[in-house]
Amino acid sequence: MDHPSALLTRATGALLALSLLACQGDATASAGADASLGEVTEFTSPAPAGSNTPHLALDGRGRVLLSWTQRRPDSTVAIQMATWDGQAWDSTRTIADNRQFFVNWADFPAITALGNGDLAAHWLEREGGGKYAYGVRVVRSTDGGVTWGAPVTPHTDGLAAEHGFVSLWGEGTDGIGMVWLDGRKSAMPDSTREMTIRTASVSATGTLQREALVDARSCDCCQTGTAATRTGRVLVYRDRTTEEIRDIAIVRQTDSGWTAPQKVHNDDWHYPGCPVNGPQVASSGDTVVVAWYTAAHDTARVNVARSVDGGATFGAPVRVDDGDPIGRVDVVLDDAANPVVVWLEQRGPDAAEVLARRIVGNAPGPVRVLSRTSGARQSGFPRITRHANDVVAAWTSVNPLQVHVARFSLSSK
């Protein structure tokens, strides 16, 4: 499907964006060096040509974990990973190979570290005969990714339907928690083709636990996001009302289970389709920051909103894009819990840039260009993670198809 911003009146959106950015000018200047980011340094990627769908995480020793999808010259596909210690990448390891992968530019594998030092990863695998019948597979490694255990399927419906857009986390000492979009309702008679949000966990012995319905109607194919606060985990995703309003929702984990969904902000984006453009979230203590794309009221924008009470309430959003965003966001926090956001910005009919920006208070700092790329689907979703005082970024170039990595300092000097 075309990106939703292509359906908008770009001239109107650009004028509104320039007006907004002009109003923010004084605030941005006053933020000055506090909001600036260091120079971008691209370094050698462990992912060769034919790689895409990067995902980044940190392990318990502060090392960067990178996973990606590798397309080989013989047309086979593997899910692979490598670890960066701040100086060099170690050897590439294969998470999964020779399986019936469902490969998708927007719904991609991921890796995470568990509390006991184990690693967990997931991918998607075809099920049944339908074009979009696929399921989630979750695996664990106890030796740093050299070998992986038997896959576990977290959804128990057994139906030929869509299951994907997973976010993983370490639960307790050795458990694996996950949230995903679940399409089992679409496989039912008289289906209304509604996706749902579900969660589950997998124990150290591979036992599936606590599968739960979180939201009975969500957007069809937007990424989920998760973060841990002082009082419990939060999940973010794009919701879908019966009136086709597709704003960002959050649920919070409490002693009695997940809270009812609530909006991060009332964008009031009416859109009769899926924009394939999910939110991401980062946290520190009780501070929760959500970044997302919206095209409400005929203006494409990337917003961030902050909560200081664990995600229960949010302040007004701050716009961070450069006037013509494609979206595909990610976010991390600096030591003062200021968000650093990365996204794709349109730069012409066939061109785009990977941009980053820090927001201090309500003031967006200067834009930092990470790379030129394409706005096509194959360019995927840029991803970032913290590494000491640096931010490490990964993104995909299209010609040739390959994952790139870079870093930039959170210090402006």
Protein backbone atom coordinates (compact mmCIF):
# COMPACT_ATOMS: atom_id res chain seq x y z
CA MET A 1 0.00 0.00 0.00
CA ASP A 2 1.17 3.56 -0.54
CA HIS A 3 2.46 5.40 2.48
CA PRO A 4 -0.37 7.51 3.95
CA SER A 5 1.57 10.72 3.60
CA ALA A 6 1.33 10.26 -0.16
CA LEU A 7 -2.40 10.73 0.18
CA LEU A 8 -2.04 14.08 1.88
CA THR A 9 -1.68 17.54 0.46
CA ARG A 10 2.07 17.94 0.87
CA ALA A 11 2.11 21.66 0.24
CA THR A 12 -0.33 22.35 3.07
CA GLY A 13 1.57 20.03 5.40
CA ALA A 14 4.89 21.64 4.60
CA LEU A 15 3.57 25.15 5.23
CA LEU A 16 2.13 24.09 8.56
CA ALA A 17 5.38 22.37 9.46
CA LEU A 18 7.47 25.43 8.61
CA SER A 19 5.15 27.63 10.64
CA LEU A 20 5.43 25.33 13.63
CA LEU A 21 9.21 25.06 13.36
CA ALA A 22 9.50 28.84 13.11
CA CYS A 23 7.49 29.19 16.32
CA GLN A 24 9.82 26.71 17.97
CA GLY A 25 12.91 28.53 16.76
CA ASP A 26 13.55 30.59 19.90
CA ALA A 27 13.02 27.57 22.14
CA THR A 28 15.35 25.45 20.02
CA ALA A 29 18.04 28.12 20.08
CA SER A 30 17.73 28.47 23.85
CA ALA A 31 18.24 24.75 24.23
CA GLY A 32 21.47 25.22 22.29
CA ALA A 33 24.27 22.83 23.09
CA ASP A 34 22.15 20.95 25.63
CA ALA A 35 20.02 19.53 22.83
CA SER A 36 22.77 19.08 20.23
CA LEU A 37 24.16 15.67 19.33
CA GLY A 38 27.70 14.68 18.42
CA GLU A 39 28.98 14.00 14.93
CA VAL A 40 27.80 10.79 13.25
CA THR A 41 30.47 8.15 12.64
CA GLU A 42 29.55 5.17 10.49
CA PHE A 43 31.58 2.06 11.24
CA THR A 44 31.86 -1.41 9.79
CA SER A 45 28.64 -3.41 9.81
CA PRO A 46 28.78 -7.16 10.53
CA ALA A 47 25.84 -7.61 8.14
CA PRO A 48 26.98 -8.11 4.52
CA ALA A 49 25.17 -7.22 1.31
CA GLY A 50 21.73 -8.78 1.18
CA SER A 51 20.94 -7.89 4.81
CA ASN A 52 17.98 -5.89 6.09
CA THR A 53 15.51 -5.53 9.03
CA PRO A 54 18.07 -4.56 11.71
CA HIS A 55 17.17 -4.66 15.39
CA LEU A 56 19.30 -3.39 18.30
CA ALA A 57 19.42 -4.20 22.01
CA LEU A 58 21.89 -4.22 24.91
CA ASP A 59 22.99 -7.27 26.86
CA GLY A 60 23.68 -7.36 30.60
CA ARG A 61 27.33 -6.42 30.06
CA GLY A 62 26.42 -3.27 28.12
CA ARG A 63 27.34 -4.72 24.72
CA VAL A 64 25.26 -3.98 21.62
CA LEU A 65 23.27 -6.86 20.11
CA LEU A 66 22.40 -6.54 16.43
CA SER A 67 20.08 -8.97 14.65
CA TRP A 68 19.11 -8.93 10.97
CA THR A 69 17.62 -10.92 8.11
CA GLN A 70 20.23 -12.22 5.66
CA ARG A 71 19.33 -13.00 2.05
CA ARG A 72 22.02 -15.22 0.53
CA PRO A 73 23.07 -15.42 -3.15
CA ASP A 74 21.33 -18.81 -3.43
CA SER A 75 18.02 -17.14 -2.33
CA THR A 76 17.98 -18.84 1.09
CA VAL A 77 17.27 -16.71 4.17
CA ALA A 78 18.74 -16.80 7.67
CA ILE A 79 18.20 -14.80 10.85
CA GLN A 80 21.61 -13.72 12.15
CA MET A 81 23.24 -11.70 14.93
CA ALA A 82 26.52 -10.23 16.16
CA THR A 83 27.71 -8.42 19.31
CA TRP A 84 29.69 -5.15 19.54
CA ASP A 85 31.75 -4.36 22.64
CA GLY A 86 32.48 -0.75 21.74
CA GLN A 87 35.58 -1.66 19.74
CA ALA A 88 34.74 -4.48 17.33
CA TRP A 89 32.05 -6.92 16.28
CA ASP A 90 32.47 -10.55 17.23
CA SER A 91 31.73 -13.43 14.87
CA THR A 92 28.34 -13.67 13.18
CA ARG A 93 26.00 -16.33 14.64
CA THR A 94 22.91 -17.79 13.02
CA ILE A 95 19.73 -17.71 15.08
CA ALA A 96 17.60 -19.66 12.59
CA ASP A 97 18.06 -21.14 9.13
CA ASN A 98 16.33 -23.46 6.65
CA ARG A 99 12.81 -22.71 7.88
CA GLN A 100 9.58 -21.51 6.27
CA PHE A 101 10.22 -17.90 7.18
CA PHE A 102 7.63 -15.22 6.60
CA VAL A 103 9.85 -12.32 5.51
CA ASN A 104 8.35 -8.85 5.68
CA TRP A 105 9.89 -5.38 5.50
CA ALA A 106 7.88 -4.09 8.48
CA ASP A 107 7.32 -7.19 10.62
CA PHE A 108 10.82 -8.38 11.41
CA PRO A 109 12.85 -10.51 13.86
CA ALA A 110 14.29 -9.12 17.08
CA ILE A 111 16.71 -10.07 19.84
CA THR A 112 16.83 -9.23 23.55
CA ALA A 113 18.88 -10.10 26.64
CA LEU A 114 17.35 -11.77 29.71
CA GLY A 115 18.08 -11.13 33.37
CA ASN A 116 20.31 -14.19 33.77
CA GLY A 117 22.46 -13.42 30.71
CA ASP A 118 20.60 -15.68 28.28
CA LEU A 119 19.47 -14.28 24.93
CA ALA A 120 16.01 -14.53 23.38
CA ALA A 121 14.99 -13.94 19.78
CA HIS A 122 11.93 -14.32 17.60
CA TRP A 123 11.05 -14.68 13.94
CA LEU A 124 7.93 -15.34 11.85
CA GLU A 125 7.14 -18.63 10.14
CA ARG A 126 4.48 -19.57 7.61
CA GLU A 127 1.55 -21.65 8.84
CA GLY A 128 -1.23 -23.21 6.75
CA GLY A 129 -1.87 -22.30 3.16
CA GLY A 130 -2.97 -18.69 3.37
CA LYS A 131 -0.87 -15.81 2.04
CA TYR A 132 -0.87 -14.12 5.43
CA ALA A 133 -1.04 -17.18 7.65
CA TYR A 134 2.06 -17.06 9.79
CA GLY A 135 3.05 -17.49 13.41
CA VAL A 136 5.64 -16.36 15.95
CA ARG A 137 8.59 -18.52 16.99
CA VAL A 138 10.56 -17.64 20.13
CA VAL A 139 13.94 -19.18 21.00
CA ARG A 140 16.51 -18.96 23.78
CA SER A 141 20.31 -19.19 23.81
CA THR A 142 22.34 -19.93 26.94
CA ASP A 143 25.73 -19.50 25.26
CA GLY A 144 25.64 -16.02 23.74
CA GLY A 145 23.90 -17.00 20.54
CA VAL A 146 26.19 -19.85 19.48
CA THR A 147 23.35 -22.36 19.81
CA TRP A 148 19.61 -21.94 20.21
CA GLY A 149 16.93 -24.07 21.82
CA ALA A 150 13.74 -25.42 20.29
CA PRO A 151 11.27 -22.75 19.10
CA VAL A 152 8.16 -22.01 21.17
CA THR A 153 4.93 -20.66 19.64
CA PRO A 154 3.32 -18.21 22.10
CA HIS A 155 -0.19 -18.20 20.58
CA THR A 156 -2.37 -21.23 21.21
CA ASP A 157 -5.27 -20.64 18.80
CA GLY A 158 -3.90 -23.04 16.17
CA LEU A 159 -5.57 -21.04 13.40
CA ALA A 160 -4.17 -20.08 9.99
CA ALA A 161 -4.03 -16.36 10.69
CA GLU A 162 -1.59 -13.48 11.11
CA HIS A 163 0.53 -13.36 14.27
CA GLY A 164 3.38 -10.88 14.37
CA PHE A 165 4.76 -7.40 15.15
CA VAL A 166 6.35 -8.78 18.30
CA SER A 167 8.16 -6.94 21.10
CA LEU A 168 10.27 -9.06 23.47
CA TRP A 169 11.56 -8.40 26.99
CA GLY A 170 13.26 -10.19 29.84
CA GLU A 171 10.74 -11.13 32.50
CA GLY A 172 12.14 -11.73 35.98
CA THR A 173 15.44 -13.59 36.11
CA ASP A 174 15.05 -15.98 33.19
CA GLY A 175 11.60 -15.56 31.63
CA ILE A 176 10.78 -14.20 28.19
CA GLY A 177 7.87 -11.76 27.92
CA MET A 178 6.29 -10.76 24.63
CA VAL A 179 3.46 -8.79 23.06
CA TRP A 180 2.19 -9.29 19.51
CA LEU A 181 -0.59 -8.50 17.06
CA ASP A 182 -2.90 -11.50 16.79
CA GLY A 183 -5.27 -12.08 13.86
CA ARG A 184 -7.15 -15.14 15.08
CA LYS A 185 -10.45 -13.28 14.84
CA SER A 186 -9.95 -12.95 11.09
CA ALA A 187 -9.94 -16.75 10.78
CA MET A 188 -13.34 -17.10 12.45
CA PRO A 189 -16.67 -17.44 10.60
CA ASP A 190 -18.27 -14.07 9.86
CA SER A 191 -14.95 -12.41 10.62
CA THR A 192 -14.73 -8.65 11.08
CA ARG A 193 -10.99 -8.92 10.29
CA GLU A 194 -9.90 -7.26 13.50
CA MET A 195 -6.42 -7.67 14.93
CA THR A 196 -5.97 -7.96 18.69
CA ILE A 197 -3.11 -7.27 21.13
CA ARG A 198 -2.00 -10.28 23.18
CA THR A 199 0.80 -11.06 25.60
CA ALA A 200 2.39 -14.20 27.00
CA SER A 201 5.60 -15.37 28.66
CA VAL A 202 7.87 -18.38 28.24
CA SER A 203 9.65 -19.89 31.25
CA ALA A 204 13.25 -21.12 31.33
CA THR A 205 11.97 -24.63 30.63
CA GLY A 206 10.02 -23.49 27.56
CA THR A 207 6.62 -23.56 29.22
CA LEU A 208 4.09 -21.07 27.85
CA GLN A 209 2.47 -18.98 30.58
CA ARG A 210 -0.02 -16.17 31.09
CA GLU A 211 -1.33 -15.73 27.55
CA ALA A 212 -3.68 -12.76 27.82
CA LEU A 213 -5.83 -10.50 25.67
CA VAL A 214 -4.84 -6.86 26.14
CA ASP A 215 -6.93 -5.10 23.48
CA ALA A 216 -9.69 -6.70 21.39
CA ARG A 217 -9.29 -4.31 18.41
CA SER A 218 -6.04 -2.76 17.19
CA CYS A 219 -4.53 -1.44 13.98
CA ASP A 220 -3.67 -4.22 11.57
CA CYS A 221 0.08 -4.02 10.94
CA CYS A 222 1.82 -1.39 13.06
CA GLN A 223 4.77 -2.23 15.30
CA THR A 224 4.39 -2.60 19.05
CA GLY A 225 6.78 -1.19 21.66
CA THR A 226 7.55 -1.86 25.30
CA ALA A 227 9.58 -0.47 28.21
CA ALA A 228 9.94 -1.13 31.94
CA THR A 229 9.11 1.57 34.50
CA ARG A 230 9.64 1.67 38.24
CA THR A 231 6.07 0.47 38.79
CA GLY A 232 5.72 -2.03 35.94
CA ARG A 233 5.98 -2.61 32.21
CA VAL A 234 4.17 -0.53 29.59
CA LEU A 235 3.11 -1.51 26.07
CA VAL A 236 2.38 0.92 23.22
CA TYR A 237 0.69 0.26 19.89
CA ARG A 238 -1.63 1.84 17.36
CA ASP A 239 -5.25 1.40 18.33
CA ARG A 240 -8.29 1.18 16.03
CA THR A 241 -11.77 2.33 16.99
CA THR A 242 -15.02 1.35 15.29
CA GLU A 243 -14.91 4.81 13.66
CA GLU A 244 -11.43 4.01 12.20
CA ILE A 245 -9.55 6.39 14.48
CA ARG A 246 -5.98 5.09 14.64
CA ASP A 247 -4.25 6.85 17.51
CA ILE A 248 -1.53 5.53 19.83
CA ALA A 249 -2.60 3.59 22.92
CA ILE A 250 -0.75 2.50 26.06
CA VAL A 251 -1.44 -0.20 28.64
CA ARG A 252 0.36 -0.56 31.98
CA GLN A 253 1.21 -3.67 33.95
CA THR A 254 -0.14 -3.73 37.51
CA ASP A 255 -0.43 -6.32 40.27
CA SER A 256 -3.91 -7.17 38.97
CA GLY A 257 -2.90 -7.40 35.30
CA TRP A 258 -2.86 -5.01 32.36
CA THR A 259 -4.81 -1.77 32.59
CA ALA A 260 -7.48 -0.79 30.10
CA PRO A 261 -6.02 0.90 27.00
CA GLN A 262 -5.81 4.68 27.00
CA LYS A 263 -4.63 7.17 24.40
CA VAL A 264 -1.21 8.73 24.64
CA HIS A 265 -2.69 11.74 22.86
CA ASN A 266 -5.94 12.47 21.07
CA ASP A 267 -4.60 12.90 17.53
CA ASP A 268 -7.99 11.92 16.10
CA TRP A 269 -6.41 10.38 13.00
CA HIS A 270 -9.20 8.97 10.88
CA TYR A 271 -7.67 6.56 8.38
CA PRO A 272 -9.48 3.60 6.78
CA GLY A 273 -6.37 1.42 6.48
CA CYS A 274 -3.14 0.55 8.22
CA PRO A 275 -0.28 3.08 7.93
CA VAL A 276 2.35 0.41 8.85
CA ASN A 277 3.95 2.92 11.20
CA GLY A 278 3.96 1.93 14.86
CA PRO A 279 5.09 3.79 17.99
CA GLN A 280 8.14 3.18 20.17
CA VAL A 281 8.71 3.87 23.86
CA ALA A 282 11.61 4.43 26.26
CA SER A 283 11.64 4.80 30.03
CA SER A 284 13.75 5.77 33.04
CA GLY A 285 12.26 5.35 36.51
CA ASP A 286 8.75 6.76 36.27
CA THR A 287 9.50 8.80 33.13
CA VAL A 288 7.99 7.31 29.98
CA VAL A 289 8.48 8.85 26.52
CA VAL A 290 6.50 7.69 23.48
CA ALA A 291 7.43 8.60 19.90
CA TRP A 292 5.03 8.09 17.00
CA TYR A 293 3.96 9.07 13.50
CA THR A 294 0.54 10.52 12.71
CA ALA A 295 -1.10 12.15 9.73
CA ALA A 296 -4.15 13.48 11.52
CA HIS A 297 -5.90 16.51 10.01
CA ASP A 298 -3.92 16.24 6.75
CA THR A 299 -0.53 16.92 8.32
CA ALA A 300 2.15 14.25 8.59
CA ARG A 301 4.27 14.62 11.71
CA VAL A 302 6.45 12.79 14.21
CA ASN A 303 5.55 13.51 17.82
CA VAL A 304 6.94 12.69 21.25
CA ALA A 305 5.05 12.89 24.53
CA ARG A 306 6.32 12.51 28.07
CA SER A 307 4.81 10.96 31.19
CA VAL A 308 6.30 11.38 34.68
CA ASP A 309 3.91 8.96 36.41
CA GLY A 310 4.80 5.67 34.75
CA GLY A 311 2.62 6.18 31.69
CA ALA A 312 -0.64 6.95 33.52
CA THR A 313 -0.86 10.45 32.02
CA PHE A 314 1.03 12.33 29.31
CA GLY A 315 1.82 15.95 28.61
CA ALA A 316 1.14 17.65 25.29
CA PRO A 317 3.19 16.21 22.41
CA VAL A 318 6.20 17.96 20.90
CA ARG A 319 6.69 17.82 17.15
CA VAL A 320 10.19 16.72 16.15
CA ASP A 321 10.18 16.06 12.37
CA ASP A 322 11.69 18.31 9.71
CA GLY A 323 8.49 19.08 7.79
CA ASP A 324 7.88 16.02 5.59
CA PRO A 325 8.26 12.84 7.66
CA ILE A 326 7.78 9.27 6.53
CA GLY A 327 7.90 8.15 10.18
CA ARG A 328 9.23 4.69 11.18
CA VAL A 329 10.41 5.98 14.54
CA ASP A 330 12.58 4.79 17.39
CA VAL A 331 13.52 6.50 20.68
CA VAL A 332 16.03 6.29 23.53
CA LEU A 333 16.64 8.50 26.58
CA ASP A 334 19.79 10.31 27.65
CA ASP A 335 20.94 10.41 31.29
CA ALA A 336 18.54 13.28 32.04
CA ALA A 337 15.62 11.33 30.51
CA ASN A 338 15.53 13.58 27.44
CA PRO A 339 14.38 11.68 24.34
CA VAL A 340 16.54 11.13 21.28
CA VAL A 341 14.32 10.23 18.33
CA VAL A 342 15.27 8.71 14.96
CA TRP A 343 12.95 8.63 11.93
CA LEU A 344 12.83 8.78 8.13
CA GLU A 345 12.26 12.13 6.40
CA GLN A 346 11.21 12.45 2.75
CA ARG A 347 13.74 14.37 0.63
CA GLY A 348 12.24 14.05 -2.85
CA PRO A 349 10.29 11.54 -4.94
CA ASP A 350 12.82 8.72 -4.46
CA ALA A 351 15.05 9.95 -1.64
CA ALA A 352 14.89 10.03 2.13
CA GLU A 353 17.18 10.66 5.08
CA VAL A 354 17.62 8.96 8.42
CA LEU A 355 17.40 11.81 10.93
CA ALA A 356 17.97 12.08 14.68
CA ARG A 357 17.05 14.81 17.13
CA ARG A 358 17.14 15.33 20.89
CA ILE A 359 14.34 17.14 22.74
CA VAL A 360 15.17 19.03 25.93
CA GLY A 361 12.04 20.16 27.74
CA ASN A 362 9.73 21.16 24.90
CA ALA A 363 12.56 22.33 22.64
CA PRO A 364 13.75 20.14 19.74
CA GLY A 365 17.49 20.46 19.18
CA PRO A 366 19.26 20.59 15.80
CA VAL A 367 18.57 17.80 13.34
CA ARG A 368 21.41 15.35 12.82
CA VAL A 369 21.57 13.49 9.49
CA LEU A 370 22.65 9.87 9.91
CA SER A 371 22.47 8.84 6.26
CA ARG A 372 20.79 9.23 2.91
CA THR A 373 18.49 6.34 2.05
CA SER A 374 15.25 5.58 0.22
CA GLY A 375 11.69 6.00 1.36
CA ALA A 376 10.79 2.67 -0.23
CA ARG A 377 9.56 -0.21 1.87
CA GLN A 378 12.89 -2.03 1.55
CA SER A 379 14.62 0.70 3.55
CA GLY A 380 12.64 -0.54 6.54
CA PHE A 381 12.82 0.93 10.02
CA PRO A 382 15.92 2.54 11.54
CA ARG A 383 16.71 1.39 15.07
CA ILE A 384 18.77 2.92 17.92
CA THR A 385 20.07 1.90 21.34
CA ARG A 386 22.22 3.49 24.08
CA HIS A 387 25.84 2.42 24.50
CA ALA A 388 27.45 4.32 27.39
CA ASN A 389 27.38 7.98 26.28
CA ASP A 390 26.78 7.10 22.64
CA VAL A 391 23.73 6.24 20.59
CA VAL A 392 24.25 3.35 18.17
CA ALA A 393 22.00 3.37 15.10
CA ALA A 394 21.25 0.78 12.43
CA TRP A 395 19.39 1.26 9.16
CA THR A 396 19.06 -0.31 5.70
CA SER A 397 20.23 1.00 2.35
CA VAL A 398 18.36 -0.16 -0.74
CA ASN A 399 20.98 -0.11 -3.54
CA PRO A 400 22.64 -2.31 -2.49
CA LEU A 401 20.43 -3.83 0.19
CA GLN A 402 22.53 -3.81 3.36
CA VAL A 403 22.36 -2.97 7.06
CA HIS A 404 24.58 -0.05 8.12
CA VAL A 405 25.60 1.00 11.63
CA ALA A 406 26.81 4.29 13.07
CA ARG A 407 27.20 6.01 16.39
CA PHE A 408 26.99 9.55 17.69
CA SER A 409 27.72 11.00 21.09
CA LEU A 410 25.14 12.39 23.45
CA SER A 411 27.68 15.13 24.17
CA SER A 412 27.59 17.97 21.66
CA LYS A 413 31.36 18.56 21.75
